Amino acid sequence: MRLGILDTLGLVATVIFAVPVGVFGVETALAGRPMLGVGLIVVAALMVLLPQRLTTPTDLPAAVVERVVGGAVTEPDDDEE
């Protein structure tokens, strides 16, 4: 999965907010409240993973264009030269 500059900056911003949640989850789990701690760790992981995996309405036009262009244009093989 290749990320552009804006996608990378968005991922960094998400990680900046997810790391404190995950660290607090680990501390809470180690302090004797494992259910809450594990729940917070799961929330932190989902904060990072879901935006990368889900297709949002703003992603649909790019996906349609990519599919149309990918179907119409074929790249030549290296062996055909």
PDB file of N, CA and C in Angstrom:
ATOM      1  N   MET A   1       0.851  -1.164   0.000  1.00  0.00           N
ATOM      2  CA  MET A   1       0.000   0.000   0.000  1.00  0.00           C
ATOM      3  C   MET A   1       0.899   1.229   0.000  1.00  0.00           C
ATOM      4  N   ARG A   2       0.818   2.015  -1.050  1.00  0.00           N
ATOM      5  CA  ARG A   2       1.591   3.238  -1.141  1.00  0.00           C
ATOM      6  C   ARG A   2       0.777   4.384  -0.591  1.00  0.00           C
ATOM      7  N   LEU A   3       1.437   5.224   0.166  1.00  0.00           N
ATOM      8  CA  LEU A   3       0.787   6.393   0.731  1.00  0.00           C
ATOM      9  C   LEU A   3       1.401   7.643   0.118  1.00  0.00           C
ATOM     10  N   GLY A   4       0.563   8.592  -0.240  1.00  0.00           N
ATOM     11  CA  GLY A   4       1.050   9.877  -0.698  1.00  0.00           C
ATOM     12  C   GLY A   4       1.448  10.730   0.489  1.00  0.00           C
ATOM     13  N   ILE A   5       1.865  11.929   0.201  1.00  0.00           N
ATOM     14  CA  ILE A   5       2.311  12.827   1.269  1.00  0.00           C
ATOM     15  C   ILE A   5       1.162  13.155   2.216  1.00  0.00           C
ATOM     16  N   LEU A   6       0.001  13.474   1.666  1.00  0.00           N
ATOM     17  CA  LEU A   6      -1.131  13.818   2.529  1.00  0.00           C
ATOM     18  C   LEU A   6      -1.617  12.621   3.328  1.00  0.00           C
ATOM     19  N   ASP A   7      -1.599  11.446   2.725  1.00  0.00           N
ATOM     20  CA  ASP A   7      -1.987  10.234   3.454  1.00  0.00           C
ATOM     21  C   ASP A   7      -1.011   9.948   4.588  1.00  0.00           C
ATOM     22  N   THR A   8       0.272  10.161   4.327  1.00  0.00           N
ATOM     23  CA  THR A   8       1.282   9.937   5.358  1.00  0.00           C
ATOM     24  C   THR A   8       1.109  10.924   6.510  1.00  0.00           C
ATOM     25  N   LEU A   9       0.862  12.185   6.190  1.00  0.00           N
ATOM     26  CA  LEU A   9       0.638  13.177   7.245  1.00  0.00           C
ATOM     27  C   LEU A   9      -0.618  12.857   8.052  1.00  0.00           C
ATOM     28  N   GLY A  10      -1.654  12.382   7.383  1.00  0.00           N
ATOM     29  CA  GLY A  10      -2.864  11.977   8.092  1.00  0.00           C
ATOM     30  C   GLY A  10      -2.613  10.803   9.016  1.00  0.00           C
ATOM     31  N   LEU A  11      -1.801   9.847   8.550  1.00  0.00           N
ATOM     32  CA  LEU A  11      -1.460   8.691   9.388  1.00  0.00           C
ATOM     33  C   LEU A  11      -0.646   9.133  10.601  1.00  0.00           C
ATOM     34  N   VAL A  12       0.286  10.042  10.394  1.00  0.00           N
ATOM     35  CA  VAL A  12       1.100  10.543  11.516  1.00  0.00           C
ATOM     36  C   VAL A  12       0.213  11.247  12.534  1.00  0.00           C
ATOM     37  N   ALA A  13      -0.728  12.052  12.061  1.00  0.00           N
ATOM     38  CA  ALA A  13      -1.637  12.745  12.983  1.00  0.00           C
ATOM     39  C   ALA A  13      -2.485  11.744  13.757  1.00  0.00           C
ATOM     40  N   THR A  14      -2.931  10.698  13.104  1.00  0.00           N
ATOM     41  CA  THR A  14      -3.720   9.671  13.780  1.00  0.00           C
ATOM     42  C   THR A  14      -2.887   8.952  14.831  1.00  0.00           C
ATOM     43  N   VAL A  15      -1.655   8.625  14.486  1.00  0.00           N
ATOM     44  CA  VAL A  15      -0.778   7.932  15.432  1.00  0.00           C
ATOM     45  C   VAL A  15      -0.478   8.818  16.638  1.00  0.00           C
ATOM     46  N   ILE A  16      -0.343  10.127  16.418  1.00  0.00           N
ATOM     47  CA  ILE A  16      -0.094  11.046  17.531  1.00  0.00           C
ATOM     48  C   ILE A  16      -1.225  10.973  18.552  1.00  0.00           C
ATOM     49  N   PHE A  17      -2.452  10.806  18.086  1.00  0.00           N
ATOM     50  CA  PHE A  17      -3.577  10.700  19.017  1.00  0.00           C
ATOM     51  C   PHE A  17      -3.770   9.278  19.547  1.00  0.00           C
ATOM     52  N   ALA A  18      -3.372   8.274  18.795  1.00  0.00           N
ATOM     53  CA  ALA A  18      -3.594   6.887  19.206  1.00  0.00           C
ATOM     54  C   ALA A  18      -2.560   6.406  20.220  1.00  0.00           C
ATOM     55  N   VAL A  19      -1.336   6.911  20.142  1.00  0.00           N
ATOM     56  CA  VAL A  19      -0.284   6.438  21.059  1.00  0.00           C
ATOM     57  C   VAL A  19      -0.627   6.719  22.524  1.00  0.00           C
ATOM     58  N   PRO A  20      -1.066   7.926  22.896  1.00  0.00           N
ATOM     59  CA  PRO A  20      -1.426   8.127  24.310  1.00  0.00           C
ATOM     60  C   PRO A  20      -2.559   7.223  24.781  1.00  0.00           C
ATOM     61  N   VAL A  21      -3.518   6.948  23.912  1.00  0.00           N
ATOM     62  CA  VAL A  21      -4.619   6.049  24.282  1.00  0.00           C
ATOM     63  C   VAL A  21      -4.078   4.644  24.525  1.00  0.00           C
ATOM     64  N   GLY A  22      -3.183   4.194  23.651  1.00  0.00           N
ATOM     65  CA  GLY A  22      -2.593   2.865  23.821  1.00  0.00           C
ATOM     66  C   GLY A  22      -1.724   2.767  25.065  1.00  0.00           C
ATOM     67  N   VAL A  23      -0.932   3.797  25.322  1.00  0.00           N
ATOM     68  CA  VAL A  23      -0.073   3.789  26.515  1.00  0.00           C
ATOM     69  C   VAL A  23      -0.925   3.799  27.775  1.00  0.00           C
ATOM     70  N   PHE A  24      -1.989   4.603  27.770  1.00  0.00           N
ATOM     71  CA  PHE A  24      -2.880   4.612  28.932  1.00  0.00           C
ATOM     72  C   PHE A  24      -3.554   3.258  29.104  1.00  0.00           C
ATOM     73  N   GLY A  25      -3.874   2.601  28.000  1.00  0.00           N
ATOM     74  CA  GLY A  25      -4.453   1.265  28.075  1.00  0.00           C
ATOM     75  C   GLY A  25      -3.495   0.267  28.694  1.00  0.00           C
ATOM     76  N   VAL A  26      -2.220   0.337  28.305  1.00  0.00           N
ATOM     77  CA  VAL A  26      -1.219  -0.570  28.884  1.00  0.00           C
ATOM     78  C   VAL A  26      -1.066  -0.287  30.375  1.00  0.00           C
ATOM     79  N   GLU A  27      -0.975   0.979  30.746  1.00  0.00           N
ATOM     80  CA  GLU A  27      -0.829   1.332  32.162  1.00  0.00           C
ATOM     81  C   GLU A  27      -2.044   0.892  32.973  1.00  0.00           C
ATOM     82  N   THR A  28      -3.227   1.052  32.403  1.00  0.00           N
ATOM     83  CA  THR A  28      -4.448   0.654  33.095  1.00  0.00           C
ATOM     84  C   THR A  28      -4.504  -0.860  33.263  1.00  0.00           C
ATOM     85  N   ALA A  29      -4.096  -1.582  32.230  1.00  0.00           N
ATOM     86  CA  ALA A  29      -4.100  -3.043  32.316  1.00  0.00           C
ATOM     87  C   ALA A  29      -3.113  -3.529  33.371  1.00  0.00           C
ATOM     88  N   LEU A  30      -1.955  -2.903  33.425  1.00  0.00           N
ATOM     89  CA  LEU A  30      -0.948  -3.304  34.407  1.00  0.00           C
ATOM     90  C   LEU A  30      -1.316  -2.877  35.826  1.00  0.00           C
ATOM     91  N   ALA A  31      -2.191  -1.874  35.951  1.00  0.00           N
ATOM     92  CA  ALA A  31      -2.596  -1.386  37.265  1.00  0.00           C
ATOM     93  C   ALA A  31      -3.725  -2.212  37.872  1.00  0.00           C
ATOM     94  N   GLY A  32      -4.199  -3.235  37.161  1.00  0.00           N
ATOM     95  CA  GLY A  32      -5.211  -4.106  37.752  1.00  0.00           C
ATOM     96  C   GLY A  32      -6.578  -4.014  37.124  1.00  0.00           C
ATOM     97  N   ARG A  33      -6.739  -3.267  36.035  1.00  0.00           N
ATOM     98  CA  ARG A  33      -8.022  -3.178  35.347  1.00  0.00           C
ATOM     99  C   ARG A  33      -7.824  -3.658  33.905  1.00  0.00           C
ATOM    100  N   PRO A  34      -7.667  -4.973  33.739  1.00  0.00           N
ATOM    101  CA  PRO A  34      -7.294  -5.496  32.418  1.00  0.00           C
ATOM    102  C   PRO A  34      -8.363  -5.301  31.342  1.00  0.00           C
ATOM    103  N   MET A  35      -9.615  -5.372  31.675  1.00  0.00           N
ATOM    104  CA  MET A  35     -10.660  -5.219  30.659  1.00  0.00           C
ATOM    105  C   MET A  35     -10.639  -3.814  30.060  1.00  0.00           C
ATOM    106  N   LEU A  36     -10.554  -2.815  30.918  1.00  0.00           N
ATOM    107  CA  LEU A  36     -10.498  -1.434  30.440  1.00  0.00           C
ATOM    108  C   LEU A  36      -9.208  -1.201  29.659  1.00  0.00           C
ATOM    109  N   GLY A  37      -8.110  -1.740  30.148  1.00  0.00           N
ATOM    110  CA  GLY A  37      -6.830  -1.562  29.471  1.00  0.00           C
ATOM    111  C   GLY A  37      -6.811  -2.177  28.085  1.00  0.00           C
ATOM    112  N   VAL A  38      -7.302  -3.397  27.980  1.00  0.00           N
ATOM    113  CA  VAL A  38      -7.348  -4.064  26.680  1.00  0.00           C
ATOM    114  C   VAL A  38      -8.313  -3.333  25.753  1.00  0.00           C
ATOM    115  N   GLY A  39      -9.410  -2.858  26.292  1.00  0.00           N
ATOM    116  CA  GLY A  39     -10.355  -2.091  25.479  1.00  0.00           C
ATOM    117  C   GLY A  39      -9.727  -0.832  24.909  1.00  0.00           C
ATOM    118  N   LEU A  40      -8.942  -0.143  25.713  1.00  0.00           N
ATOM    119  CA  LEU A  40      -8.277   1.067  25.235  1.00  0.00           C
ATOM    120  C   LEU A  40      -7.202   0.746  24.199  1.00  0.00           C
ATOM    121  N   ILE A  41      -6.517  -0.371  24.373  1.00  0.00           N
ATOM    122  CA  ILE A  41      -5.516  -0.776  23.379  1.00  0.00           C
ATOM    123  C   ILE A  41      -6.199  -1.103  22.052  1.00  0.00           C
ATOM    124  N   VAL A  42      -7.339  -1.757  22.117  1.00  0.00           N
ATOM    125  CA  VAL A  42      -8.091  -2.065  20.898  1.00  0.00           C
ATOM    126  C   VAL A  42      -8.566  -0.776  20.226  1.00  0.00           C
ATOM    127  N   VAL A  43      -9.043   0.171  21.009  1.00  0.00           N
ATOM    128  CA  VAL A  43      -9.473   1.456  20.447  1.00  0.00           C
ATOM    129  C   VAL A  43      -8.302   2.152  19.760  1.00  0.00           C
ATOM    130  N   ALA A  44      -7.135   2.147  20.375  1.00  0.00           N
ATOM    131  CA  ALA A  44      -5.960   2.782  19.780  1.00  0.00           C
ATOM    132  C   ALA A  44      -5.584   2.095  18.463  1.00  0.00           C
ATOM    133  N   ALA A  45      -5.647   0.783  18.436  1.00  0.00           N
ATOM    134  CA  ALA A  45      -5.322   0.059  17.204  1.00  0.00           C
ATOM    135  C   ALA A  45      -6.346   0.359  16.108  1.00  0.00           C
ATOM    136  N   LEU A  46      -7.603   0.417  16.473  1.00  0.00           N
ATOM    137  CA  LEU A  46      -8.645   0.711  15.487  1.00  0.00           C
ATOM    138  C   LEU A  46      -8.538   2.142  14.968  1.00  0.00           C
ATOM    139  N   MET A  47      -8.069   3.053  15.806  1.00  0.00           N
ATOM    140  CA  MET A  47      -7.872   4.432  15.364  1.00  0.00           C
ATOM    141  C   MET A  47      -6.885   4.499  14.203  1.00  0.00           C
ATOM    142  N   VAL A  48      -5.907   3.629  14.208  1.00  0.00           N
ATOM    143  CA  VAL A  48      -4.899   3.633  13.149  1.00  0.00           C
ATOM    144  C   VAL A  48      -5.338   2.775  11.966  1.00  0.00           C
ATOM    145  N   LEU A  49      -5.921   1.616  12.225  1.00  0.00           N
ATOM    146  CA  LEU A  49      -6.214   0.666  11.158  1.00  0.00           C
ATOM    147  C   LEU A  49      -7.460   1.000  10.340  1.00  0.00           C
ATOM    148  N   LEU A  50      -8.513   1.448  10.983  1.00  0.00           N
ATOM    149  CA  LEU A  50      -9.766   1.662  10.257  1.00  0.00           C
ATOM    150  C   LEU A  50      -9.667   2.722   9.160  1.00  0.00           C
ATOM    151  N   PRO A  51      -9.060   3.871   9.394  1.00  0.00           N
ATOM    152  CA  PRO A  51      -8.970   4.840   8.289  1.00  0.00           C
ATOM    153  C   PRO A  51      -8.167   4.327   7.094  1.00  0.00           C
ATOM    154  N   GLN A  52      -7.267   3.398   7.321  1.00  0.00           N
ATOM    155  CA  GLN A  52      -6.477   2.845   6.224  1.00  0.00           C
ATOM    156  C   GLN A  52      -7.255   1.802   5.440  1.00  0.00           C
ATOM    157  N   ARG A  53      -8.175   1.098   6.067  1.00  0.00           N
ATOM    158  CA  ARG A  53      -8.872  -0.020   5.445  1.00  0.00           C
ATOM    159  C   ARG A  53     -10.257   0.327   4.907  1.00  0.00           C
ATOM    160  N   LEU A  54     -10.932   1.296   5.497  1.00  0.00           N
ATOM    161  CA  LEU A  54     -12.293   1.616   5.080  1.00  0.00           C
ATOM    162  C   LEU A  54     -12.300   2.532   3.864  1.00  0.00           C
ATOM    163  N   THR A  55     -13.289   2.365   3.024  1.00  0.00           N
ATOM    164  CA  THR A  55     -13.484   3.257   1.900  1.00  0.00           C
ATOM    165  C   THR A  55     -14.517   4.296   2.298  1.00  0.00           C
ATOM    166  N   THR A  56     -14.130   5.540   2.213  1.00  0.00           N
ATOM    167  CA  THR A  56     -15.027   6.630   2.573  1.00  0.00           C
ATOM    168  C   THR A  56     -15.640   7.219   1.301  1.00  0.00           C
ATOM    169  N   PRO A  57     -16.689   7.994   1.433  1.00  0.00           N
ATOM    170  CA  PRO A  57     -17.287   8.607   0.242  1.00  0.00           C
ATOM    171  C   PRO A  57     -16.310   9.490  -0.539  1.00  0.00           C
ATOM    172  N   THR A  58     -15.340  10.070   0.122  1.00  0.00           N
ATOM    173  CA  THR A  58     -14.366  10.893  -0.597  1.00  0.00           C
ATOM    174  C   THR A  58     -13.371  10.039  -1.376  1.00  0.00           C
ATOM    175  N   ASP A  59     -13.238   8.765  -1.043  1.00  0.00           N
ATOM    176  CA  ASP A  59     -12.330   7.863  -1.759  1.00  0.00           C
ATOM    177  C   ASP A  59     -12.961   7.255  -3.006  1.00  0.00           C
ATOM    178  N   LEU A  60     -14.267   7.293  -3.110  1.00  0.00           N
ATOM    179  CA  LEU A  60     -14.952   6.623  -4.214  1.00  0.00           C
ATOM    180  C   LEU A  60     -14.600   7.172  -5.598  1.00  0.00           C
ATOM    181  N   PRO A  61     -14.577   8.491  -5.817  1.00  0.00           N
ATOM    182  CA  PRO A  61     -14.221   8.964  -7.160  1.00  0.00           C
ATOM    183  C   PRO A  61     -12.830   8.509  -7.602  1.00  0.00           C
ATOM    184  N   ALA A  62     -11.864   8.538  -6.718  1.00  0.00           N
ATOM    185  CA  ALA A  62     -10.513   8.096  -7.062  1.00  0.00           C
ATOM    186  C   ALA A  62     -10.496   6.603  -7.362  1.00  0.00           C
ATOM    187  N   ALA A  63     -11.260   5.826  -6.624  1.00  0.00           N
ATOM    188  CA  ALA A  63     -11.303   4.387  -6.857  1.00  0.00           C
ATOM    189  C   ALA A  63     -11.942   4.070  -8.207  1.00  0.00           C
ATOM    190  N   VAL A  64     -12.983   4.815  -8.574  1.00  0.00           N
ATOM    191  CA  VAL A  64     -13.653   4.592  -9.860  1.00  0.00           C
ATOM    192  C   VAL A  64     -12.714   4.944 -11.008  1.00  0.00           C
ATOM    193  N   VAL A  65     -12.033   6.067 -10.904  1.00  0.00           N
ATOM    194  CA  VAL A  65     -11.108   6.483 -11.960  1.00  0.00           C
ATOM    195  C   VAL A  65      -9.963   5.488 -12.082  1.00  0.00           C
ATOM    196  N   GLU A  66      -9.449   5.026 -10.968  1.00  0.00           N
ATOM    197  CA  GLU A  66      -8.356   4.053 -11.000  1.00  0.00           C
ATOM    198  C   GLU A  66      -8.798   2.755 -11.676  1.00  0.00           C
ATOM    199  N   ARG A  67      -9.999   2.324 -11.397  1.00  0.00           N
ATOM    200  CA  ARG A  67     -10.503   1.091 -11.989  1.00  0.00           C
ATOM    201  C   ARG A  67     -10.734   1.252 -13.498  1.00  0.00           C
ATOM    202  N   VAL A  68     -11.267   2.422 -13.906  1.00  0.00           N
ATOM    203  CA  VAL A  68     -11.523   2.663 -15.321  1.00  0.00           C
ATOM    204  C   VAL A  68     -10.211   2.767 -16.085  1.00  0.00           C
ATOM    205  N   VAL A  69      -9.275   3.531 -15.560  1.00  0.00           N
ATOM    206  CA  VAL A  69      -7.983   3.697 -16.228  1.00  0.00           C
ATOM    207  C   VAL A  69      -7.220   2.373 -16.229  1.00  0.00           C
ATOM    208  N   GLY A  70      -7.269   1.644 -15.148  1.00  0.00           N
ATOM    209  CA  GLY A  70      -6.581   0.358 -15.081  1.00  0.00           C
ATOM    210  C   GLY A  70      -7.156  -0.649 -16.059  1.00  0.00           C
ATOM    211  N   GLY A  71      -8.448  -0.559 -16.346  1.00  0.00           N
ATOM    212  CA  GLY A  71      -9.061  -1.471 -17.290  1.00  0.00           C
ATOM    213  C   GLY A  71      -8.836  -1.059 -18.734  1.00  0.00           C
ATOM    214  N   ALA A  72      -8.702   0.240 -18.983  1.00  0.00           N
ATOM    215  CA  ALA A  72      -8.549   0.731 -20.344  1.00  0.00           C
ATOM    216  C   ALA A  72      -7.099   0.718 -20.814  1.00  0.00           C
ATOM    217  N   VAL A  73      -6.184   0.970 -19.912  1.00  0.00           N
ATOM    218  CA  VAL A  73      -4.772   1.061 -20.282  1.00  0.00           C
ATOM    219  C   VAL A  73      -4.041  -0.141 -19.700  1.00  0.00           C
ATOM    220  N   THR A  74      -3.370  -0.850 -20.568  1.00  0.00           N
ATOM    221  CA  THR A  74      -2.558  -1.975 -20.103  1.00  0.00           C
ATOM    222  C   THR A  74      -1.092  -1.624 -20.289  1.00  0.00           C
ATOM    223  N   GLU A  75      -0.312  -1.922 -19.291  1.00  0.00           N
ATOM    224  CA  GLU A  75       1.108  -1.647 -19.376  1.00  0.00           C
ATOM    225  C   GLU A  75       1.786  -2.788 -20.123  1.00  0.00           C
ATOM    226  N   PRO A  76       2.729  -2.454 -21.018  1.00  0.00           N
ATOM    227  CA  PRO A  76       3.390  -3.503 -21.782  1.00  0.00           C
ATOM    228  C   PRO A  76       4.310  -4.339 -20.898  1.00  0.00           C
ATOM    229  N   ASP A  77       4.412  -5.614 -21.270  1.00  0.00           N
ATOM    230  CA  ASP A  77       5.320  -6.501 -20.554  1.00  0.00           C
ATOM    231  C   ASP A  77       6.737  -6.228 -20.990  1.00  0.00           C
ATOM    232  N   ASP A  78       7.683  -6.539 -20.133  1.00  0.00           N
ATOM    233  CA  ASP A  78       9.087  -6.360 -20.470  1.00  0.00           C
ATOM    234  C   ASP A  78       9.534  -7.335 -21.545  1.00  0.00           C
ATOM    235  N   ASP A  79       8.872  -8.468 -21.672  1.00  0.00           N
ATOM    236  CA  ASP A  79       9.266  -9.494 -22.632  1.00  0.00           C
ATOM    237  C   ASP A  79       8.838  -9.167 -24.059  1.00  0.00           C
ATOM    238  N   GLU A  80       7.905  -8.236 -24.251  1.00  0.00           N
ATOM    239  CA  GLU A  80       7.354  -7.949 -25.563  1.00  0.00           C
ATOM    240  C   GLU A  80       8.218  -6.982 -26.370  1.00  0.00           C
ATOM    241  N   GLU A  81       9.323  -6.525 -25.875  1.00  0.00           N
ATOM    242  CA  GLU A  81      10.140  -5.545 -26.589  1.00  0.00           C
ATOM    243  C   GLU A  81      10.843  -6.098 -27.725  1.00  0.00           C
TER     244      GLU A  81
END
